[in-house]
Amino acid sequence: MIIQFFKKEQQFTCLDVNDSEYKVHSVELLNQGFSFDGDPIQAVDIEDALKQYKKYKPDLN
């Protein structure tokens, strides 16, 4: 699974890059003011991706 994180101020969300609707949903997020937050993360599952993401975001822990 490859996960891309997006951020907007103190909010964050993520999408599975391999999802068939990824492009549509990522454009929606960008139109809502979110921006890409780092490179996509290779992970076993969403929990693993979140753990990896938070490792470099001490303000989220």
PDB file of N, CA and C in Angstrom:
ATOM      1  N   MET A   1       0.847  -1.166   0.000  1.00  0.00           N
ATOM      2  CA  MET A   1       0.000   0.000   0.000  1.00  0.00           C
ATOM      3  C   MET A   1       0.896   1.234   0.000  1.00  0.00           C
ATOM      4  N   ILE A   2       0.527   2.209  -0.808  1.00  0.00           N
ATOM      5  CA  ILE A   2       1.266   3.469  -0.879  1.00  0.00           C
ATOM      6  C   ILE A   2       0.306   4.585  -0.474  1.00  0.00           C
ATOM      7  N   ILE A   3       0.673   5.324   0.564  1.00  0.00           N
ATOM      8  CA  ILE A   3      -0.200   6.338   1.137  1.00  0.00           C
ATOM      9  C   ILE A   3       0.405   7.725   0.948  1.00  0.00           C
ATOM     10  N   GLN A   4      -0.426   8.662   0.468  1.00  0.00           N
ATOM     11  CA  GLN A   4      -0.005  10.056   0.345  1.00  0.00           C
ATOM     12  C   GLN A   4      -0.748  10.872   1.398  1.00  0.00           C
ATOM     13  N   PHE A   5       0.017  11.638   2.174  1.00  0.00           N
ATOM     14  CA  PHE A   5      -0.578  12.506   3.183  1.00  0.00           C
ATOM     15  C   PHE A   5      -0.742  13.912   2.628  1.00  0.00           C
ATOM     16  N   PHE A   6      -1.761  14.582   3.133  1.00  0.00           N
ATOM     17  CA  PHE A   6      -2.074  15.960   2.779  1.00  0.00           C
ATOM     18  C   PHE A   6      -2.264  16.733   4.073  1.00  0.00           C
ATOM     19  N   LYS A   7      -1.919  18.029   4.054  1.00  0.00           N
ATOM     20  CA  LYS A   7      -2.102  18.830   5.258  1.00  0.00           C
ATOM     21  C   LYS A   7      -2.732  20.175   4.925  1.00  0.00           C
ATOM     22  N   LYS A   8      -3.392  20.713   5.947  1.00  0.00           N
ATOM     23  CA  LYS A   8      -3.972  22.054   5.878  1.00  0.00           C
ATOM     24  C   LYS A   8      -3.967  22.579   7.301  1.00  0.00           C
ATOM     25  N   GLU A   9      -3.057  23.504   7.573  1.00  0.00           N
ATOM     26  CA  GLU A   9      -2.865  24.033   8.925  1.00  0.00           C
ATOM     27  C   GLU A   9      -2.610  22.873   9.888  1.00  0.00           C
ATOM     28  N   GLN A  10      -3.458  22.662  10.889  1.00  0.00           N
ATOM     29  CA  GLN A  10      -3.261  21.586  11.861  1.00  0.00           C
ATOM     30  C   GLN A  10      -3.987  20.292  11.477  1.00  0.00           C
ATOM     31  N   GLN A  11      -4.673  20.283  10.351  1.00  0.00           N
ATOM     32  CA  GLN A  11      -5.405  19.098   9.902  1.00  0.00           C
ATOM     33  C   GLN A  11      -4.538  18.287   8.944  1.00  0.00           C
ATOM     34  N   PHE A  12      -4.759  16.980   8.956  1.00  0.00           N
ATOM     35  CA  PHE A  12      -4.109  16.150   7.942  1.00  0.00           C
ATOM     36  C   PHE A  12      -5.040  14.998   7.579  1.00  0.00           C
ATOM     37  N   THR A  13      -4.833  14.490   6.399  1.00  0.00           N
ATOM     38  CA  THR A  13      -5.583  13.338   5.920  1.00  0.00           C
ATOM     39  C   THR A  13      -4.691  12.588   4.947  1.00  0.00           C
ATOM     40  N   CYS A  14      -5.147  11.433   4.510  1.00  0.00           N
ATOM     41  CA  CYS A  14      -4.326  10.665   3.581  1.00  0.00           C
ATOM     42  C   CYS A  14      -5.201   9.873   2.615  1.00  0.00           C
ATOM     43  N   LEU A  15      -4.587   9.506   1.506  1.00  0.00           N
ATOM     44  CA  LEU A  15      -5.255   8.709   0.478  1.00  0.00           C
ATOM     45  C   LEU A  15      -4.335   7.588   0.021  1.00  0.00           C
ATOM     46  N   ASP A  16      -4.947   6.488  -0.381  1.00  0.00           N
ATOM     47  CA  ASP A  16      -4.210   5.370  -0.974  1.00  0.00           C
ATOM     48  C   ASP A  16      -3.950   5.714  -2.441  1.00  0.00           C
ATOM     49  N   VAL A  17      -2.685   5.833  -2.798  1.00  0.00           N
ATOM     50  CA  VAL A  17      -2.299   6.220  -4.155  1.00  0.00           C
ATOM     51  C   VAL A  17      -2.827   5.234  -5.202  1.00  0.00           C
ATOM     52  N   ASN A  18      -2.964   3.964  -4.826  1.00  0.00           N
ATOM     53  CA  ASN A  18      -3.413   2.951  -5.778  1.00  0.00           C
ATOM     54  C   ASN A  18      -4.927   2.861  -5.923  1.00  0.00           C
ATOM     55  N   ASP A  19      -5.659   3.645  -5.147  1.00  0.00           N
ATOM     56  CA  ASP A  19      -7.117   3.657  -5.240  1.00  0.00           C
ATOM     57  C   ASP A  19      -7.531   4.247  -6.583  1.00  0.00           C
ATOM     58  N   SER A  20      -8.536   3.682  -7.200  1.00  0.00           N
ATOM     59  CA  SER A  20      -8.980   4.147  -8.514  1.00  0.00           C
ATOM     60  C   SER A  20      -9.487   5.593  -8.495  1.00  0.00           C
ATOM     61  N   GLU A  21      -9.896   6.083  -7.346  1.00  0.00           N
ATOM     62  CA  GLU A  21     -10.410   7.455  -7.218  1.00  0.00           C
ATOM     63  C   GLU A  21      -9.364   8.425  -6.650  1.00  0.00           C
ATOM     64  N   TYR A  22      -8.124   7.981  -6.542  1.00  0.00           N
ATOM     65  CA  TYR A  22      -7.080   8.809  -5.933  1.00  0.00           C
ATOM     66  C   TYR A  22      -6.985  10.181  -6.589  1.00  0.00           C
ATOM     67  N   LYS A  23      -6.911  10.212  -7.890  1.00  0.00           N
ATOM     68  CA  LYS A  23      -6.713  11.482  -8.594  1.00  0.00           C
ATOM     69  C   LYS A  23      -7.866  12.444  -8.318  1.00  0.00           C
ATOM     70  N   VAL A  24      -9.091  11.945  -8.377  1.00  0.00           N
ATOM     71  CA  VAL A  24     -10.276  12.776  -8.132  1.00  0.00           C
ATOM     72  C   VAL A  24     -10.248  13.328  -6.710  1.00  0.00           C
ATOM     73  N   HIS A  25     -10.000  12.448  -5.734  1.00  0.00           N
ATOM     74  CA  HIS A  25     -10.013  12.868  -4.337  1.00  0.00           C
ATOM     75  C   HIS A  25      -8.852  13.805  -4.007  1.00  0.00           C
ATOM     76  N   SER A  26      -7.692  13.569  -4.617  1.00  0.00           N
ATOM     77  CA  SER A  26      -6.559  14.456  -4.336  1.00  0.00           C
ATOM     78  C   SER A  26      -6.826  15.856  -4.894  1.00  0.00           C
ATOM     79  N   VAL A  27      -7.443  15.948  -6.049  1.00  0.00           N
ATOM     80  CA  VAL A  27      -7.795  17.261  -6.605  1.00  0.00           C
ATOM     81  C   VAL A  27      -8.810  17.963  -5.699  1.00  0.00           C
ATOM     82  N   GLU A  28      -9.776  17.210  -5.183  1.00  0.00           N
ATOM     83  CA  GLU A  28     -10.759  17.785  -4.254  1.00  0.00           C
ATOM     84  C   GLU A  28     -10.063  18.355  -3.021  1.00  0.00           C
ATOM     85  N   LEU A  29      -9.124  17.600  -2.465  1.00  0.00           N
ATOM     86  CA  LEU A  29      -8.398  18.074  -1.280  1.00  0.00           C
ATOM     87  C   LEU A  29      -7.593  19.326  -1.601  1.00  0.00           C
ATOM     88  N   LEU A  30      -6.914  19.324  -2.733  1.00  0.00           N
ATOM     89  CA  LEU A  30      -6.125  20.496  -3.128  1.00  0.00           C
ATOM     90  C   LEU A  30      -7.028  21.711  -3.313  1.00  0.00           C
ATOM     91  N   ASN A  31      -8.206  21.516  -3.884  1.00  0.00           N
ATOM     92  CA  ASN A  31      -9.162  22.613  -4.062  1.00  0.00           C
ATOM     93  C   ASN A  31      -9.700  23.129  -2.729  1.00  0.00           C
ATOM     94  N   GLN A  32      -9.646  22.301  -1.695  1.00  0.00           N
ATOM     95  CA  GLN A  32     -10.098  22.692  -0.354  1.00  0.00           C
ATOM     96  C   GLN A  32      -8.979  23.359   0.455  1.00  0.00           C
ATOM     97  N   GLY A  33      -7.824  23.520  -0.159  1.00  0.00           N
ATOM     98  CA  GLY A  33      -6.723  24.200   0.517  1.00  0.00           C
ATOM     99  C   GLY A  33      -5.686  23.282   1.133  1.00  0.00           C
ATOM    100  N   PHE A  34      -5.840  21.977   0.970  1.00  0.00           N
ATOM    101  CA  PHE A  34      -4.824  21.043   1.456  1.00  0.00           C
ATOM    102  C   PHE A  34      -3.639  21.066   0.500  1.00  0.00           C
ATOM    103  N   SER A  35      -2.484  20.633   0.979  1.00  0.00           N
ATOM    104  CA  SER A  35      -1.308  20.497   0.123  1.00  0.00           C
ATOM    105  C   SER A  35      -0.668  19.139   0.405  1.00  0.00           C
ATOM    106  N   PHE A  36       0.119  18.672  -0.555  1.00  0.00           N
ATOM    107  CA  PHE A  36       0.833  17.417  -0.362  1.00  0.00           C
ATOM    108  C   PHE A  36       1.780  17.588   0.821  1.00  0.00           C
ATOM    109  N   ASP A  37       1.889  16.577   1.647  1.00  0.00           N
ATOM    110  CA  ASP A  37       2.779  16.640   2.800  1.00  0.00           C
ATOM    111  C   ASP A  37       3.794  15.509   2.711  1.00  0.00           C
ATOM    112  N   GLY A  38       4.896  15.793   2.037  1.00  0.00           N
ATOM    113  CA  GLY A  38       5.956  14.813   1.885  1.00  0.00           C
ATOM    114  C   GLY A  38       5.710  13.848   0.740  1.00  0.00           C
ATOM    115  N   ASP A  39       6.622  12.913   0.623  1.00  0.00           N
ATOM    116  CA  ASP A  39       6.523  11.876  -0.406  1.00  0.00           C
ATOM    117  C   ASP A  39       5.549  10.800   0.048  1.00  0.00           C
ATOM    118  N   PRO A  40       5.003  10.036  -0.898  1.00  0.00           N
ATOM    119  CA  PRO A  40       4.146   8.910  -0.520  1.00  0.00           C
ATOM    120  C   PRO A  40       4.909   7.923   0.370  1.00  0.00           C
ATOM    121  N   ILE A  41       4.180   7.270   1.255  1.00  0.00           N
ATOM    122  CA  ILE A  41       4.768   6.328   2.207  1.00  0.00           C
ATOM    123  C   ILE A  41       4.356   4.904   1.847  1.00  0.00           C
ATOM    124  N   GLN A  42       5.347   4.046   1.706  1.00  0.00           N
ATOM    125  CA  GLN A  42       5.097   2.613   1.492  1.00  0.00           C
ATOM    126  C   GLN A  42       4.807   2.003   2.854  1.00  0.00           C
ATOM    127  N   ALA A  43       3.659   1.338   2.990  1.00  0.00           N
ATOM    128  CA  ALA A  43       3.269   0.792   4.290  1.00  0.00           C
ATOM    129  C   ALA A  43       2.493  -0.504   4.121  1.00  0.00           C
ATOM    130  N   VAL A  44       2.473  -1.284   5.193  1.00  0.00           N
ATOM    131  CA  VAL A  44       1.728  -2.539   5.223  1.00  0.00           C
ATOM    132  C   VAL A  44       0.219  -2.252   5.262  1.00  0.00           C
ATOM    133  N   ASP A  45      -0.150  -1.255   6.073  1.00  0.00           N
ATOM    134  CA  ASP A  45      -1.553  -0.865   6.201  1.00  0.00           C
ATOM    135  C   ASP A  45      -1.606   0.595   6.640  1.00  0.00           C
ATOM    136  N   ILE A  46      -2.806   1.120   6.826  1.00  0.00           N
ATOM    137  CA  ILE A  46      -2.960   2.534   7.160  1.00  0.00           C
ATOM    138  C   ILE A  46      -2.350   2.863   8.522  1.00  0.00           C
ATOM    139  N   GLU A  47      -2.438   1.945   9.471  1.00  0.00           N
ATOM    140  CA  GLU A  47      -1.839   2.180  10.793  1.00  0.00           C
ATOM    141  C   GLU A  47      -0.328   2.315  10.685  1.00  0.00           C
ATOM    142  N   ASP A  48       0.287   1.477   9.866  1.00  0.00           N
ATOM    143  CA  ASP A  48       1.729   1.550   9.651  1.00  0.00           C
ATOM    144  C   ASP A  48       2.098   2.879   8.995  1.00  0.00           C
ATOM    145  N   ALA A  49       1.320   3.313   8.013  1.00  0.00           N
ATOM    146  CA  ALA A  49       1.578   4.588   7.333  1.00  0.00           C
ATOM    147  C   ALA A  49       1.475   5.751   8.319  1.00  0.00           C
ATOM    148  N   LEU A  50       0.458   5.716   9.163  1.00  0.00           N
ATOM    149  CA  LEU A  50       0.273   6.775  10.150  1.00  0.00           C
ATOM    150  C   LEU A  50       1.434   6.808  11.142  1.00  0.00           C
ATOM    151  N   LYS A  51       1.889   5.644  11.554  1.00  0.00           N
ATOM    152  CA  LYS A  51       3.030   5.569  12.479  1.00  0.00           C
ATOM    153  C   LYS A  51       4.279   6.172  11.821  1.00  0.00           C
ATOM    154  N   GLN A  52       4.516   5.839  10.549  1.00  0.00           N
ATOM    155  CA  GLN A  52       5.673   6.385   9.843  1.00  0.00           C
ATOM    156  C   GLN A  52       5.545   7.902   9.676  1.00  0.00           C
ATOM    157  N   TYR A  53       4.352   8.352   9.346  1.00  0.00           N
ATOM    158  CA  TYR A  53       4.098   9.781   9.151  1.00  0.00           C
ATOM    159  C   TYR A  53       4.355  10.550  10.449  1.00  0.00           C
ATOM    160  N   LYS A  54       3.820  10.043  11.540  1.00  0.00           N
ATOM    161  CA  LYS A  54       3.954  10.726  12.835  1.00  0.00           C
ATOM    162  C   LYS A  54       5.386  10.727  13.359  1.00  0.00           C
ATOM    163  N   LYS A  55       6.196   9.779  12.900  1.00  0.00           N
ATOM    164  CA  LYS A  55       7.590   9.711  13.341  1.00  0.00           C
ATOM    165  C   LYS A  55       8.321  11.019  13.031  1.00  0.00           C
ATOM    166  N   TYR A  56       7.956  11.662  11.933  1.00  0.00           N
ATOM    167  CA  TYR A  56       8.608  12.895  11.524  1.00  0.00           C
ATOM    168  C   TYR A  56       7.766  14.131  11.826  1.00  0.00           C
ATOM    169  N   LYS A  57       6.697  13.946  12.584  1.00  0.00           N
ATOM    170  CA  LYS A  57       5.804  15.036  12.944  1.00  0.00           C
ATOM    171  C   LYS A  57       5.588  15.037  14.452  1.00  0.00           C
ATOM    172  N   PRO A  58       6.583  15.435  15.243  1.00  0.00           N
ATOM    173  CA  PRO A  58       6.454  15.363  16.697  1.00  0.00           C
ATOM    174  C   PRO A  58       5.275  16.150  17.253  1.00  0.00           C
ATOM    175  N   ASP A  59       4.826  17.172  16.555  1.00  0.00           N
ATOM    176  CA  ASP A  59       3.693  17.953  17.025  1.00  0.00           C
ATOM    177  C   ASP A  59       2.379  17.202  16.938  1.00  0.00           C
ATOM    178  N   LEU A  60       2.343  16.052  16.258  1.00  0.00           N
ATOM    179  CA  LEU A  60       1.123  15.250  16.143  1.00  0.00           C
ATOM    180  C   LEU A  60       1.030  14.172  17.213  1.00  0.00           C
ATOM    181  N   ASN A  61       2.104  13.884  17.892  1.00  0.00           N
ATOM    182  CA  ASN A  61       2.114  12.802  18.891  1.00  0.00           C
ATOM    183  C   ASN A  61       1.507  13.217  20.198  1.00  0.00           C
TER     184      ASN A  61
END
